[in-house]
Amino acid sequence: MKSVELQVQGMSCGSCVKHVTEALHALDGVSEVAVDLQSGRVKVGGDSDCNVLLAALEEAGYPAQSSANAVQKEKKTSGCGGNGCGCCCQ
């Protein structure tokens, strides 16, 4: 079993957590879903493809990206705030 960590936008309450959990558990290959509302991170265990997980969340109204991509974007824009100054936003 592999696990994927996602950064999910738009979660603000327990009802959001329930909707996200249900949307992911409905997918084939998902065996475990752990949601951290405060950080917006969701850990998904199983054999489901990351793109399928992201599409299901988007359809449920919660845009997301893999946490690895979120970290890369933060690193890429650090130093200028992503203003396109050329120092790191290439």
Protein backbone atom coordinates (compact mmCIF):
# COMPACT_ATOMS: atom_id res chain seq x y z
CA MET A 1 0.00 0.00 0.00
CA LYS A 2 1.27 3.45 -0.87
CA SER A 3 0.17 6.75 0.55
CA VAL A 4 -0.22 10.18 -1.00
CA GLU A 5 -0.37 13.48 0.84
CA LEU A 6 -2.52 16.22 -0.67
CA GLN A 7 -2.94 19.89 0.12
CA VAL A 8 -6.67 20.61 -0.10
CA GLN A 9 -8.19 24.08 -0.40
CA GLY A 10 -11.53 25.22 0.93
CA MET A 11 -11.92 23.02 4.00
CA SER A 12 -13.18 25.06 6.94
CA CYS A 13 -15.28 22.78 9.17
CA GLY A 14 -16.18 19.24 10.12
CA SER A 15 -18.69 19.03 7.30
CA CYS A 16 -15.91 19.78 4.81
CA VAL A 17 -13.82 17.01 6.33
CA LYS A 18 -16.76 14.62 5.93
CA HIS A 19 -17.28 15.59 2.26
CA VAL A 20 -13.59 15.20 1.44
CA THR A 21 -13.39 11.86 3.25
CA GLU A 22 -16.50 10.52 1.50
CA ALA A 23 -15.33 11.70 -1.93
CA LEU A 24 -12.02 9.87 -1.53
CA HIS A 25 -13.37 6.71 0.14
CA ALA A 26 -15.77 6.28 -2.80
CA LEU A 27 -12.82 5.67 -5.14
CA ASP A 28 -11.50 2.24 -6.02
CA GLY A 29 -8.20 1.50 -4.36
CA VAL A 30 -8.57 3.95 -1.46
CA SER A 31 -8.26 2.15 1.85
CA GLU A 32 -7.52 4.97 4.27
CA VAL A 33 -8.17 8.73 4.47
CA ALA A 34 -6.81 10.97 7.23
CA VAL A 35 -7.76 14.65 7.13
CA ASP A 36 -6.01 17.40 9.10
CA LEU A 37 -8.43 20.32 8.91
CA GLN A 38 -6.06 22.84 10.46
CA SER A 39 -3.27 22.32 7.92
CA GLY A 40 -5.52 21.40 4.99
CA ARG A 41 -3.55 18.22 4.43
CA VAL A 42 -5.10 14.89 3.55
CA LYS A 43 -3.21 11.60 3.64
CA VAL A 44 -4.68 8.92 1.40
CA GLY A 45 -3.61 5.28 1.65
CA GLY A 46 -4.19 2.65 -0.98
CA ASP A 47 -3.52 2.04 -4.63
CA SER A 48 -5.40 4.89 -6.29
CA ASP A 49 -3.71 7.18 -8.81
CA CYS A 50 -2.97 10.70 -7.57
CA ASN A 51 -4.67 12.30 -10.59
CA VAL A 52 -7.86 10.35 -9.84
CA LEU A 53 -7.77 11.60 -6.24
CA LEU A 54 -7.28 15.19 -7.37
CA ALA A 55 -10.12 14.93 -9.91
CA ALA A 56 -12.51 13.53 -7.28
CA LEU A 57 -11.69 16.37 -4.89
CA GLU A 58 -12.11 18.97 -7.64
CA GLU A 59 -15.51 17.50 -8.50
CA ALA A 60 -16.49 17.64 -4.81
CA GLY A 61 -15.59 21.34 -4.73
CA TYR A 62 -12.23 21.08 -2.99
CA PRO A 63 -9.35 21.89 -5.35
CA ALA A 64 -6.15 20.15 -4.31
CA GLN A 65 -2.60 19.38 -5.32
CA SER A 66 -0.08 16.87 -4.14
CA SER A 67 1.89 18.16 -1.16
CA ALA A 68 5.12 17.59 -3.07
CA ASN A 69 3.94 20.05 -5.75
CA ALA A 70 2.85 22.55 -3.10
CA VAL A 71 6.30 22.44 -1.49
CA GLN A 72 8.01 22.89 -4.86
CA LYS A 73 5.88 25.97 -5.60
CA GLU A 74 6.73 27.47 -2.20
CA LYS A 75 10.43 26.92 -2.77
CA LYS A 76 10.24 28.27 -6.30
CA THR A 77 8.67 31.54 -5.20
CA SER A 78 10.57 32.05 -1.96
CA GLY A 79 12.70 35.14 -1.98
CA CYS A 80 10.39 37.42 -3.96
CA GLY A 81 6.92 36.24 -3.11
CA GLY A 82 6.31 34.99 -6.63
CA ASN A 83 6.21 38.43 -8.18
CA GLY A 84 8.05 37.31 -11.28
CA CYS A 85 11.12 39.42 -10.60
CA GLY A 86 13.35 36.85 -12.27
CA CYS A 87 15.33 35.89 -9.18
CA CYS A 88 13.52 32.62 -8.61
CA CYS A 89 10.29 32.57 -10.63
CA GLN A 90 11.68 31.09 -13.79
